[in-house]
Amino acid sequence: MSSAFHRKRVLAVSAALAVSALALTGCSGSNSGGSASGGAASGSITIGTTDKVTTIDPAGSYDNGSFAVENQIYPFLVNSPLGSPDVKPDIAVSADFTSPTEYTVKLKSGLKFANGNDLTSSDVKFSFDRVVAIADENGPSSLLGNLDSVAAPDPTTVVFTLKNANDQTFAQVLSSPAGPIVDEQVFSATALTPDNDIVKGHPFAGQYDISSYDFNNTIQYKANPNYQGLLGAAKTGTVNVKYYAEAANLKLDIQQNNIDVAYRSLSATDIADLSTNSKVKVVDGPGGEIRYIVFNFNTMPFGATTPEADPAKSLAVRQAVADLIDRDAIASQVYKDTYTPLYSFVPAGLTGATTVMKDLYGDGSGKPSADKAKSTLAAAGVTGPVTLNLQYVSEHYGPSSGDEYALIKDQLESSGLFTVNLQTTDYVQYSKDRTADVYPEYQLGWFPDYSDADNYLTPFFSADSFLANHYDNATAQDEITKQLSETDAAARQKLIEDIQSKVAADLPTVPYLQGSQVAVVGSNVNGTADTLDASFKFRYGALSKS
């Protein structure tokens, strides 16, 4: 997800750890030993971030900044406890496959939203139905591609009917950005509900309620005393989140203890500097974040809708870019090795990850090769420097994006094969423009929904993927669908590896970096390591001050 964006429904759902959903039956309670409901939490913490919110309506957001809010305020049927990527029932008492294509959830009794409205199976059905019906370009409906229908036979029972049997990932999908449960008395069934209307309606049943909301400036959260989910009582009563336009100001405030937590995103140089400051602690956790360039198959040089349309030349341009990217230089010069080179579409450390990009492009050992790029373009009949209009976001992926793309521009242009026009746009506008064919080539980062290889495949490379870049490989799509229901681990891994090979031959994206999670906190802040886990969800309720 993740700093993800998703678009419309795809052929199959996004994925998760290969854990059996059958193991969920009967699991509930808090991982921290707290009561199932919230208590009278006290104290306050201030968090700073440069992330931006697009909307807190779950049907219209699939980006990290928005999901960071949604994780605090909405309940989920199943969720991951602190310290684990595996899901357990959250506001449910059980969640289980009752047939190969039916997944049945039993809710806890007496659930209520912060506004006093009852939370029942009707709200659950409404929540998922509206995500599918609205199918917003920047929403998470792609994750529900395997969902056929939702039934609510009684107030505490929900039955999900799936299109494809034996879905190995559906439990994790319920914990993803497609999974927040909303109040049907507050939200529209057919259109996105404005943020201010949401906040006024208090349709929240997560660890926190929102007490004040100033879009992309400040949000104040108050602990929800009636929370009945997996995470237990929030440890801090009031959480203030401050949004920064510049990471330099975020750094200044955390080093002067004007805020308690800085999370997403400080530059690598700032993090290195802060690590020597006795007033703060630098805390890191497992990383699944990746950086990549997206190519629009219609509007890129020689793309399908350009006057000079030529599929072979278009492919050669993408291949030449892949030949020229120097991942080691970007990781070390720009990010001080807080990121590492990424040579495939699935990041290192996940089952099925390969290094196919290293094998196919550059010098064959991970280094760039201008000679190979030149030969590739010449063989396709591409002459003269190719112009790339490469778009990036100056603030959303941290303050180093400008340096990152200046270096990429230099790497491409120093070969003499490309002329690169760098352009940047505010993230909120960026998220709209990129799905409207405005950008021929553009930057994206991906912060995963959960830790499984499919979360880097289905959302990206299905025919109607969130990339909206007109990439369509029927064979790869067929294998993506197959691996979702493949119960044999070795066979599934082979499919995941094959998919990467097929996509690498087409290059709808060029992945180049993999990073970890990093937060900088005051020396008296506790609980940061607990929430920087492989679920990739930053839970404010885990934080406290001593």
Protein backbone atom coordinates (compact mmCIF):
# COMPACT_ATOMS: atom_id res chain seq x y z
CA MET A 1 0.00 0.00 0.00
CA SER A 2 0.59 1.02 1.15
CA SER A 3 2.56 4.87 -0.27
CA ALA A 4 0.45 3.14 -2.60
CA PHE A 5 -2.24 4.14 -4.93
CA HIS A 6 -4.72 1.61 -6.34
CA ARG A 7 -7.17 1.79 -9.16
CA LYS A 8 -10.43 -0.07 -9.84
CA ARG A 9 -10.91 -3.79 -9.56
CA VAL A 10 -8.38 -6.29 -10.86
CA LEU A 11 -8.65 -9.95 -11.69
CA ALA A 12 -7.71 -11.17 -8.25
CA VAL A 13 -7.08 -9.82 -4.80
CA SER A 14 -3.79 -8.55 -3.44
CA ALA A 15 -1.93 -10.79 -1.11
CA ALA A 16 -0.59 -11.63 2.25
CA LEU A 17 1.56 -13.99 4.20
CA ALA A 18 0.80 -17.57 3.34
CA VAL A 19 -1.02 -18.30 6.56
CA SER A 20 -4.12 -20.41 6.68
CA ALA A 21 -7.24 -18.42 7.35
CA LEU A 22 -8.55 -21.49 9.12
CA ALA A 23 -6.18 -20.70 11.98
CA LEU A 24 -8.17 -17.58 12.75
CA THR A 25 -11.11 -19.34 14.29
CA GLY A 26 -11.65 -18.45 17.92
CA CYS A 27 -8.67 -16.05 18.21
CA SER A 28 -9.37 -12.71 19.83
CA GLY A 29 -8.19 -10.32 22.53
CA SER A 30 -5.25 -7.96 22.89
CA ASN A 31 -1.66 -8.90 22.28
CA SER A 32 -0.52 -6.55 25.02
CA GLY A 33 -2.43 -8.01 27.87
CA GLY A 34 -4.87 -5.09 28.02
CA SER A 35 -8.61 -5.42 28.22
CA ALA A 36 -10.62 -5.92 25.06
CA SER A 37 -12.13 -2.49 25.49
CA GLY A 38 -10.32 0.80 25.88
CA GLY A 39 -9.70 2.29 29.30
CA ALA A 40 -9.29 5.86 30.48
CA ALA A 41 -6.05 6.54 28.64
CA SER A 42 -4.22 9.74 29.63
CA GLY A 43 -1.31 11.89 28.52
CA SER A 44 -0.54 13.30 25.10
CA ILE A 45 1.93 12.79 22.27
CA THR A 46 2.64 14.94 19.22
CA ILE A 47 3.63 13.25 15.96
CA GLY A 48 5.08 15.02 12.92
CA THR A 49 5.01 13.81 9.31
CA THR A 50 5.48 15.06 5.77
CA ASP A 51 3.00 12.47 4.48
CA LYS A 52 -0.16 13.87 2.99
CA VAL A 53 -3.77 12.71 3.35
CA THR A 54 -5.85 12.41 0.18
CA THR A 55 -9.09 11.48 1.96
CA ILE A 56 -10.08 9.58 5.10
CA ASP A 57 -12.91 7.89 3.21
CA PRO A 58 -11.52 4.35 2.80
CA ALA A 59 -13.24 3.97 -0.57
CA GLY A 60 -11.17 6.79 -2.05
CA SER A 61 -7.68 6.38 -0.61
CA TYR A 62 -4.88 3.91 -1.13
CA ASP A 63 -1.86 5.83 0.05
CA ASN A 64 0.21 5.64 3.17
CA GLY A 65 -0.70 9.07 4.49
CA SER A 66 -4.42 8.35 4.41
CA PHE A 67 -4.09 4.80 5.70
CA ALA A 68 -2.04 6.10 8.63
CA VAL A 69 -5.18 7.96 9.73
CA GLU A 70 -7.58 5.13 8.93
CA ASN A 71 -5.55 2.66 10.99
CA GLN A 72 -6.19 4.69 14.11
CA ILE A 73 -9.92 5.36 13.73
CA TYR A 74 -11.61 2.49 11.90
CA PRO A 75 -12.07 -1.08 13.09
CA PHE A 76 -11.22 -4.11 10.98
CA LEU A 77 -12.71 -7.57 10.96
CA VAL A 78 -9.22 -9.03 11.30
CA ASN A 79 -6.00 -7.22 12.06
CA SER A 80 -2.36 -7.86 12.85
CA PRO A 81 -1.32 -7.62 16.51
CA LEU A 82 1.73 -5.57 17.41
CA GLY A 83 4.93 -7.38 16.49
CA SER A 84 3.40 -9.71 13.92
CA PRO A 85 2.34 -9.61 10.27
CA ASP A 86 -0.15 -12.46 10.83
CA VAL A 87 -3.80 -11.53 11.23
CA LYS A 88 -6.23 -12.42 14.02
CA PRO A 89 -9.84 -11.43 14.63
CA ASP A 90 -10.18 -7.75 15.54
CA ILE A 91 -13.84 -6.83 16.06
CA ALA A 92 -14.68 -10.43 15.17
CA VAL A 93 -14.72 -13.46 17.42
CA SER A 94 -13.98 -15.81 14.53
CA ALA A 95 -13.12 -15.68 10.84
CA ASP A 96 -12.99 -18.88 8.85
CA PHE A 97 -13.58 -20.52 5.47
CA THR A 98 -16.83 -22.41 5.78
CA SER A 99 -16.55 -23.64 2.18
CA PRO A 100 -13.86 -23.18 -0.50
CA THR A 101 -15.59 -20.00 -1.71
CA GLU A 102 -17.27 -18.78 1.51
CA TYR A 103 -15.48 -16.90 4.24
CA THR A 104 -17.63 -16.40 7.34
CA VAL A 105 -17.02 -13.83 10.06
CA LYS A 106 -18.80 -13.70 13.43
CA LEU A 107 -18.77 -10.26 15.05
CA LYS A 108 -18.46 -9.47 18.75
CA SER A 109 -21.76 -8.46 20.31
CA GLY A 110 -22.54 -4.92 21.45
CA LEU A 111 -20.17 -3.15 19.06
CA LYS A 112 -20.74 0.60 18.69
CA PHE A 113 -19.27 3.49 16.77
CA ALA A 114 -18.02 6.55 18.67
CA ASN A 115 -21.27 8.36 17.74
CA GLY A 116 -23.32 5.72 19.59
CA ASN A 117 -24.63 3.93 16.51
CA ASP A 118 -24.62 0.14 16.61
CA LEU A 119 -21.96 -1.58 14.51
CA THR A 120 -23.52 -4.67 12.95
CA SER A 121 -23.07 -6.97 9.99
CA SER A 122 -25.12 -4.52 7.95
CA ASP A 123 -22.35 -1.93 8.34
CA VAL A 124 -19.77 -4.52 7.32
CA LYS A 125 -21.66 -5.43 4.15
CA PHE A 126 -22.17 -1.74 3.41
CA SER A 127 -18.44 -1.02 3.87
CA PHE A 128 -17.27 -3.56 1.33
CA ASP A 129 -20.11 -3.06 -1.13
CA ARG A 130 -19.41 0.68 -1.38
CA VAL A 131 -15.68 0.19 -2.03
CA VAL A 132 -16.53 -2.07 -4.96
CA ALA A 133 -19.38 0.12 -6.23
CA ILE A 134 -17.48 3.40 -6.05
CA ALA A 135 -14.29 1.88 -7.53
CA ASP A 136 -12.46 5.16 -7.13
CA GLU A 137 -9.31 5.54 -9.22
CA ASN A 138 -7.25 6.18 -6.11
CA GLY A 139 -9.15 3.74 -3.91
CA PRO A 140 -8.48 0.13 -2.85
CA SER A 141 -11.17 -1.68 -4.85
CA SER A 142 -8.46 -3.62 -6.71
CA LEU A 143 -7.84 -5.57 -3.51
CA LEU A 144 -11.41 -6.90 -3.67
CA GLY A 145 -11.15 -8.33 -7.16
CA ASN A 146 -11.89 -11.83 -5.89
CA LEU A 147 -14.97 -10.74 -3.94
CA ASP A 148 -18.22 -11.85 -5.56
CA SER A 149 -20.75 -10.79 -2.90
CA VAL A 150 -21.25 -10.03 0.80
CA ALA A 151 -24.22 -11.25 2.84
CA ALA A 152 -25.39 -10.30 6.35
CA PRO A 153 -27.77 -13.12 7.37
CA ASP A 154 -28.02 -11.88 10.96
CA PRO A 155 -26.66 -8.88 12.93
CA THR A 156 -23.41 -10.60 13.92
CA THR A 157 -22.72 -12.80 10.87
CA VAL A 158 -21.05 -11.80 7.60
CA VAL A 159 -20.52 -14.19 4.70
CA PHE A 160 -18.09 -13.27 1.91
CA THR A 161 -18.56 -15.27 -1.30
CA LEU A 162 -15.42 -15.38 -3.43
CA LYS A 163 -15.06 -15.85 -7.16
CA ASN A 164 -12.04 -18.13 -6.92
CA ALA A 165 -11.76 -20.91 -4.36
CA ASN A 166 -8.98 -21.45 -1.84
CA ASP A 167 -7.87 -17.82 -1.78
CA GLN A 168 -4.65 -17.84 0.21
CA THR A 169 -4.78 -14.11 0.85
CA PHE A 170 -8.33 -13.07 1.67
CA ALA A 171 -7.84 -12.85 5.43
CA GLN A 172 -5.02 -10.37 4.94
CA VAL A 173 -7.09 -8.38 2.43
CA LEU A 174 -9.62 -7.81 5.21
CA SER A 175 -6.84 -6.11 7.21
CA SER A 176 -5.72 -3.95 4.29
CA PRO A 177 -6.84 -0.49 3.08
CA ALA A 178 -9.92 -2.21 1.65
CA GLY A 179 -10.92 -3.42 5.11
CA PRO A 180 -11.98 -0.49 7.35
CA ILE A 181 -15.55 -0.84 8.63
CA VAL A 182 -17.58 2.37 8.37
CA ASP A 183 -20.97 3.54 9.63
CA GLU A 184 -23.66 3.23 6.97
CA GLN A 185 -25.59 6.06 8.65
CA VAL A 186 -22.73 8.50 7.95
CA PHE A 187 -21.21 7.42 4.64
CA SER A 188 -22.68 7.56 1.15
CA ALA A 189 -23.19 4.22 -0.55
CA THR A 190 -22.44 5.55 -4.03
CA ALA A 191 -19.95 8.41 -3.70
CA LEU A 192 -17.02 9.47 -1.55
CA THR A 193 -18.03 11.22 1.65
CA PRO A 194 -16.20 14.53 2.34
CA ASP A 195 -13.68 14.42 5.18
CA ASN A 196 -15.42 17.14 7.18
CA ASP A 197 -18.72 15.24 7.05
CA ILE A 198 -16.92 12.11 8.24
CA VAL A 199 -15.31 13.89 11.17
CA LYS A 200 -18.61 15.52 12.17
CA GLY A 201 -20.34 12.13 12.12
CA HIS A 202 -17.76 10.37 14.37
CA PRO A 203 -18.22 7.02 12.57
CA PHE A 204 -15.17 5.55 14.26
CA ALA A 205 -14.71 2.36 16.25
CA GLY A 206 -10.92 2.04 16.26
CA GLN A 207 -8.55 2.88 19.09
CA TYR A 208 -9.10 6.61 18.49
CA ASP A 209 -11.81 9.12 17.64
CA ILE A 210 -10.98 12.38 15.82
CA SER A 211 -11.67 15.46 17.93
CA SER A 212 -10.37 18.09 15.47
CA TYR A 213 -9.37 17.96 11.82
CA ASP A 214 -7.59 20.55 9.67
CA PHE A 215 -6.84 18.88 6.34
CA ASN A 216 -3.11 18.24 5.95
CA ASN A 217 -2.32 20.68 8.75
CA THR A 218 -3.29 19.05 12.05
CA ILE A 219 -5.39 16.19 13.40
CA GLN A 220 -6.17 15.63 17.07
CA TYR A 221 -7.15 12.14 18.20
CA LYS A 222 -8.81 11.15 21.47
CA ALA A 223 -8.67 7.59 22.79
CA ASN A 224 -11.92 5.72 22.18
CA PRO A 225 -13.02 4.29 25.55
CA ASN A 226 -15.40 1.86 23.85
CA TYR A 227 -12.87 0.24 21.52
CA GLN A 228 -13.36 -3.53 21.55
CA GLY A 229 -10.68 -4.66 19.13
CA LEU A 230 -7.53 -6.74 19.09
CA LEU A 231 -5.08 -3.98 20.01
CA GLY A 232 -6.48 -3.21 23.46
CA ALA A 233 -6.62 0.19 25.13
CA ALA A 234 -4.59 3.01 23.61
CA LYS A 235 -1.67 3.89 25.88
CA THR A 236 -1.98 7.63 25.30
CA GLY A 237 -5.20 9.62 25.64
CA THR A 238 -4.51 12.42 23.15
CA VAL A 239 -2.45 12.23 19.98
CA ASN A 240 -1.76 15.36 17.95
CA VAL A 241 -0.46 14.92 14.42
CA LYS A 242 1.19 17.84 12.67
CA TYR A 243 1.72 17.83 8.91
CA TYR A 244 4.87 19.47 7.53
CA ALA A 245 5.47 20.84 4.05
CA GLU A 246 9.24 20.63 4.51
CA ALA A 247 11.26 17.85 6.11
CA ALA A 248 13.79 20.42 7.32
CA ASN A 249 11.15 21.85 9.65
CA LEU A 250 10.20 18.37 10.80
CA LYS A 251 13.84 17.70 11.67
CA LEU A 252 14.15 20.98 13.53
CA ASP A 253 11.08 20.29 15.66
CA ILE A 254 12.06 16.74 16.62
CA GLN A 255 15.64 17.69 17.52
CA GLN A 256 14.35 20.56 19.69
CA ASN A 257 11.72 18.27 21.28
CA ASN A 258 8.88 20.44 20.00
CA ILE A 259 7.29 17.18 18.87
CA ASP A 260 7.65 13.69 20.27
CA VAL A 261 7.76 11.57 17.10
CA ALA A 262 8.92 12.19 13.51
CA TYR A 263 7.70 9.47 11.17
CA ARG A 264 7.84 9.69 7.38
CA SER A 265 9.93 11.21 6.10
CA LEU A 266 13.31 12.62 7.00
CA SER A 267 16.29 12.60 4.69
CA ALA A 268 19.02 10.05 5.19
CA THR A 269 21.41 12.87 6.07
CA ASP A 270 18.99 14.16 8.71
CA ILE A 271 18.57 10.69 10.20
CA ALA A 272 22.34 10.25 10.40
CA ASP A 273 22.67 13.62 12.09
CA LEU A 274 19.88 12.95 14.56
CA SER A 275 21.39 9.59 15.52
CA THR A 276 24.13 11.54 17.35
CA ASN A 277 21.61 13.68 19.28
CA SER A 278 21.15 12.50 22.88
CA LYS A 279 17.68 14.10 23.05
CA VAL A 280 16.21 11.67 20.52
CA LYS A 281 16.27 8.03 19.52
CA VAL A 282 16.37 6.67 15.96
CA VAL A 283 14.26 3.52 15.74
CA ASP A 284 14.01 1.35 12.64
CA GLY A 285 11.98 -1.69 11.67
CA PRO A 286 11.46 -4.21 8.86
CA GLY A 287 11.29 -2.64 5.41
CA GLY A 288 9.03 -3.42 2.50
CA GLU A 289 9.04 0.01 0.89
CA ILE A 290 10.19 0.16 -2.73
CA ARG A 291 10.87 2.96 -5.24
CA TYR A 292 10.29 2.64 -8.97
CA ILE A 293 9.66 4.47 -12.24
CA VAL A 294 6.34 3.83 -14.00
CA PHE A 295 6.00 3.99 -17.79
CA ASN A 296 2.66 4.89 -19.36
CA PHE A 297 2.37 2.52 -22.32
CA ASN A 298 0.16 5.00 -24.18
CA THR A 299 1.98 8.30 -23.75
CA MET A 300 5.68 7.43 -23.26
CA PRO A 301 8.00 7.81 -26.26
CA PHE A 302 6.66 5.60 -29.06
CA GLY A 303 3.65 4.75 -26.87
CA ALA A 304 0.39 3.43 -28.30
CA THR A 305 -1.38 6.80 -28.59
CA THR A 306 1.60 8.85 -29.77
CA PRO A 307 2.05 9.85 -33.46
CA GLU A 308 5.21 7.73 -33.64
CA ALA A 309 3.66 4.65 -31.96
CA ASP A 310 5.96 1.64 -32.19
CA PRO A 311 5.85 -1.15 -29.56
CA ALA A 312 9.39 -2.36 -30.31
CA LYS A 313 10.88 1.14 -29.96
CA SER A 314 8.84 1.80 -26.83
CA LEU A 315 10.19 -1.39 -25.25
CA ALA A 316 13.73 -0.47 -26.26
CA VAL A 317 13.38 2.88 -24.49
CA ARG A 318 12.30 1.14 -21.27
CA GLN A 319 15.09 -1.39 -21.60
CA ALA A 320 17.69 1.32 -22.13
CA VAL A 321 16.51 3.11 -18.98
CA ALA A 322 16.86 -0.16 -17.08
CA ASP A 323 20.38 -0.57 -18.49
CA LEU A 324 21.44 2.87 -17.28
CA ILE A 325 20.04 3.10 -13.74
CA ASP A 326 22.85 2.87 -11.17
CA ARG A 327 21.08 1.59 -8.07
CA ASP A 328 24.18 1.45 -5.88
CA ALA A 329 24.90 5.12 -6.56
CA ILE A 330 21.36 6.20 -5.65
CA ALA A 331 21.37 4.10 -2.47
CA SER A 332 24.74 5.34 -1.27
CA GLN A 333 24.96 8.91 -2.56
CA VAL A 334 21.38 9.99 -1.92
CA TYR A 335 20.22 7.70 0.90
CA LYS A 336 23.46 6.94 2.77
CA ASP A 337 22.65 3.23 2.46
CA THR A 338 19.38 3.52 4.39
CA TYR A 339 17.99 2.07 1.15
CA THR A 340 19.46 -0.86 -0.75
CA PRO A 341 19.44 -1.68 -4.48
CA LEU A 342 16.36 -3.55 -5.69
CA TYR A 343 16.68 -5.83 -8.70
CA SER A 344 13.17 -7.16 -9.14
CA PHE A 345 9.54 -6.32 -8.52
CA VAL A 346 9.32 -8.33 -5.28
CA PRO A 347 11.71 -7.02 -2.61
CA ALA A 348 14.47 -9.13 -1.15
CA GLY A 349 13.45 -11.12 1.91
CA LEU A 350 10.06 -12.23 0.65
CA THR A 351 9.44 -15.75 -0.60
CA GLY A 352 9.71 -15.81 -4.38
CA ALA A 353 11.90 -12.72 -4.72
CA THR A 354 14.44 -12.88 -7.55
CA THR A 355 17.14 -10.65 -9.03
CA VAL A 356 15.82 -10.84 -12.58
CA MET A 357 16.59 -7.18 -13.35
CA LYS A 358 20.25 -7.75 -12.51
CA ASP A 359 20.35 -10.69 -14.89
CA LEU A 360 18.61 -8.99 -17.83
CA TYR A 361 19.80 -5.39 -17.74
CA GLY A 362 22.94 -3.35 -17.30
CA ASP A 363 26.20 -5.28 -17.21
CA GLY A 364 24.58 -8.43 -15.83
CA SER A 365 25.98 -7.98 -12.33
CA GLY A 366 23.92 -5.04 -11.09
CA LYS A 367 25.94 -2.21 -12.61
CA PRO A 368 24.77 0.08 -15.42
CA SER A 369 25.95 -0.31 -19.01
CA ALA A 370 25.78 2.55 -21.49
CA ASP A 371 27.06 0.28 -24.26
CA LYS A 372 24.21 -2.16 -23.79
CA ALA A 373 21.64 0.65 -23.70
CA LYS A 374 23.07 2.10 -26.91
CA SER A 375 22.94 -1.29 -28.65
CA THR A 376 19.36 -1.88 -27.48
CA LEU A 377 18.14 1.42 -28.90
CA ALA A 378 20.09 1.01 -32.14
CA ALA A 379 18.71 -2.49 -32.71
CA ALA A 380 15.17 -1.11 -32.44
CA GLY A 381 15.93 1.73 -34.86
CA VAL A 382 15.81 4.49 -32.25
CA THR A 383 18.10 7.37 -33.24
CA GLY A 384 19.04 10.59 -31.49
CA PRO A 385 18.54 11.37 -27.80
CA VAL A 386 15.10 10.27 -26.59
CA THR A 387 13.19 12.89 -24.58
CA LEU A 388 11.72 11.71 -21.29
CA ASN A 389 9.29 13.93 -19.39
CA LEU A 390 9.87 12.40 -15.98
CA GLN A 391 7.57 13.45 -13.14
CA TYR A 392 8.32 13.12 -9.44
CA VAL A 393 6.88 14.28 -6.10
CA SER A 394 9.10 16.68 -4.21
CA GLU A 395 7.66 16.10 -0.73
CA HIS A 396 5.63 12.89 -0.48
CA TYR A 397 8.53 10.43 -0.60
CA GLY A 398 10.78 12.52 1.58
CA PRO A 399 13.06 15.49 0.99
CA SER A 400 15.64 13.48 -0.94
CA SER A 401 13.39 12.87 -3.94
CA GLY A 402 14.83 15.95 -5.67
CA ASP A 403 18.37 14.62 -5.26
CA GLU A 404 17.21 11.13 -6.22
CA TYR A 405 15.74 12.25 -9.51
CA ALA A 406 18.53 14.71 -10.26
CA LEU A 407 20.90 11.75 -10.05
CA ILE A 408 18.64 9.58 -12.23
CA LYS A 409 18.51 12.42 -14.78
CA ASP A 410 22.30 12.60 -14.76
CA GLN A 411 22.65 8.83 -15.14
CA LEU A 412 20.36 8.79 -18.17
CA GLU A 413 21.70 11.93 -19.84
CA SER A 414 25.40 11.18 -19.31
CA SER A 415 25.00 8.28 -21.74
CA GLY A 416 24.05 10.71 -24.51
CA LEU A 417 20.97 8.58 -25.20
CA PHE A 418 18.35 10.61 -23.31
CA THR A 419 17.26 14.14 -22.62
CA VAL A 420 15.33 14.23 -19.34
CA ASN A 421 12.87 16.97 -18.42
CA LEU A 422 12.26 16.71 -14.69
CA GLN A 423 8.96 18.03 -13.40
CA THR A 424 7.41 17.95 -9.94
CA THR A 425 3.85 18.31 -8.64
CA ASP A 426 2.17 18.49 -5.23
CA TYR A 427 1.18 14.99 -4.17
CA VAL A 428 -2.57 15.55 -3.91
CA GLN A 429 -2.67 16.76 -7.53
CA TYR A 430 -0.10 14.14 -8.54
CA SER A 431 -2.35 11.30 -7.40
CA LYS A 432 -5.08 12.57 -9.74
CA ASP A 433 -2.90 13.42 -12.74
CA ARG A 434 -0.98 10.18 -12.95
CA THR A 435 -4.17 8.13 -13.49
CA ALA A 436 -5.34 10.53 -16.23
CA ASP A 437 -2.41 9.90 -18.61
CA VAL A 438 -0.81 13.24 -17.72
CA TYR A 439 2.63 11.76 -16.99
CA PRO A 440 4.46 9.63 -19.61
CA GLU A 441 6.97 8.48 -16.98
CA TYR A 442 6.66 9.04 -13.26
CA GLN A 443 7.93 8.21 -9.79
CA LEU A 444 6.05 6.03 -7.35
CA GLY A 445 6.87 4.49 -4.03
CA TRP A 446 5.08 1.52 -2.54
CA PHE A 447 4.54 0.83 1.12
CA PRO A 448 3.03 -2.66 1.31
CA ASP A 449 -0.34 -3.62 2.70
CA TYR A 450 1.29 -6.69 4.25
CA SER A 451 4.27 -8.97 3.74
CA ASP A 452 3.68 -11.20 0.76
CA ALA A 453 5.06 -11.26 -2.76
CA ASP A 454 1.62 -10.97 -4.33
CA ASN A 455 1.19 -7.51 -2.82
CA TYR A 456 3.88 -6.42 -5.28
CA LEU A 457 2.30 -8.24 -8.24
CA THR A 458 -1.51 -8.19 -8.33
CA PRO A 459 -1.95 -4.45 -7.65
CA PHE A 460 0.73 -3.56 -10.20
CA PHE A 461 0.39 -5.89 -13.15
CA SER A 462 -3.24 -6.92 -13.51
CA ALA A 463 -5.00 -5.49 -16.56
CA ASP A 464 -6.79 -2.82 -14.52
CA SER A 465 -3.99 -2.15 -12.04
CA PHE A 466 -3.67 0.89 -9.84
CA LEU A 467 -0.74 2.04 -11.99
CA ALA A 468 -3.26 2.93 -14.72
CA ASN A 469 -0.41 2.68 -17.24
CA HIS A 470 -2.16 0.48 -19.84
CA TYR A 471 0.12 -2.51 -19.34
CA ASP A 472 -1.61 -5.76 -20.31
CA ASN A 473 0.10 -9.18 -20.33
CA ALA A 474 -2.54 -11.92 -20.33
CA THR A 475 -0.06 -14.70 -19.52
CA ALA A 476 1.31 -12.89 -16.49
CA GLN A 477 -2.23 -12.08 -15.37
CA ASP A 478 -3.20 -15.73 -15.61
CA GLU A 479 -0.24 -16.74 -13.44
CA ILE A 480 -1.06 -13.98 -10.94
CA THR A 481 -4.55 -15.45 -10.59
CA LYS A 482 -3.21 -18.99 -10.26
CA GLN A 483 -0.73 -18.23 -7.50
CA LEU A 484 -3.47 -16.75 -5.34
CA SER A 485 -5.19 -20.10 -4.96
CA GLU A 486 -2.12 -22.36 -5.15
CA THR A 487 -1.91 -24.25 -1.85
CA ASP A 488 1.43 -25.94 -2.61
CA ALA A 489 4.13 -23.57 -1.34
CA ALA A 490 6.80 -24.66 -3.82
CA ALA A 491 4.43 -24.42 -6.77
CA ARG A 492 3.28 -20.97 -5.66
CA GLN A 493 6.87 -19.77 -5.33
CA LYS A 494 7.61 -20.99 -8.87
CA LEU A 495 4.63 -19.03 -10.23
CA ILE A 496 5.77 -15.89 -8.40
CA GLU A 497 9.24 -16.24 -9.89
CA ASP A 498 7.82 -16.80 -13.39
CA ILE A 499 5.62 -13.71 -13.12
CA GLN A 500 8.65 -11.56 -12.31
CA SER A 501 10.47 -12.90 -15.36
CA LYS A 502 7.57 -12.14 -17.67
CA VAL A 503 7.09 -8.64 -16.29
CA ALA A 504 10.83 -7.94 -16.42
CA ALA A 505 10.77 -8.65 -20.13
CA ASP A 506 8.06 -5.98 -20.59
CA LEU A 507 9.20 -3.38 -18.02
CA PRO A 508 5.98 -1.56 -17.12
CA THR A 509 8.04 -0.33 -14.16
CA VAL A 510 11.73 -0.14 -13.34
CA PRO A 511 12.21 -0.85 -9.61
CA TYR A 512 15.47 0.37 -8.13
CA LEU A 513 15.40 0.84 -4.31
CA GLN A 514 14.18 -0.98 -1.20
CA GLY A 515 13.99 0.77 2.18
CA SER A 516 13.24 0.21 5.85
CA GLN A 517 10.88 1.96 8.29
CA VAL A 518 12.49 4.68 10.40
CA ALA A 519 11.08 6.87 13.17
CA VAL A 520 12.88 9.46 15.27
CA VAL A 521 11.41 9.90 18.75
CA GLY A 522 12.09 11.77 21.95
CA SER A 523 14.23 9.94 24.50
CA ASN A 524 11.18 9.54 26.76
CA VAL A 525 8.92 7.98 24.10
CA ASN A 526 8.19 4.26 24.44
CA GLY A 527 6.57 1.66 22.22
CA THR A 528 7.99 2.74 18.85
CA ALA A 529 9.73 -0.56 18.16
CA ASP A 530 6.50 -2.41 18.98
CA THR A 531 4.64 -0.75 16.11
CA LEU A 532 7.49 -0.63 13.55
CA ASP A 533 6.80 -4.25 12.71
CA ALA A 534 6.28 -6.31 9.57
CA SER A 535 2.59 -5.40 9.44
CA PHE A 536 3.79 -1.98 8.18
CA LYS A 537 1.08 -0.23 10.23
CA PHE A 538 2.13 2.59 12.54
CA ARG A 539 -0.28 2.38 15.50
CA TYR A 540 -0.42 5.50 17.66
CA GLY A 541 -2.03 3.52 20.47
CA ALA A 542 1.26 1.69 21.09
CA LEU A 543 3.10 4.91 21.93
CA SER A 544 3.51 6.46 25.37
CA LYS A 545 5.79 8.86 27.22
CA SER A 546 7.57 8.18 30.50
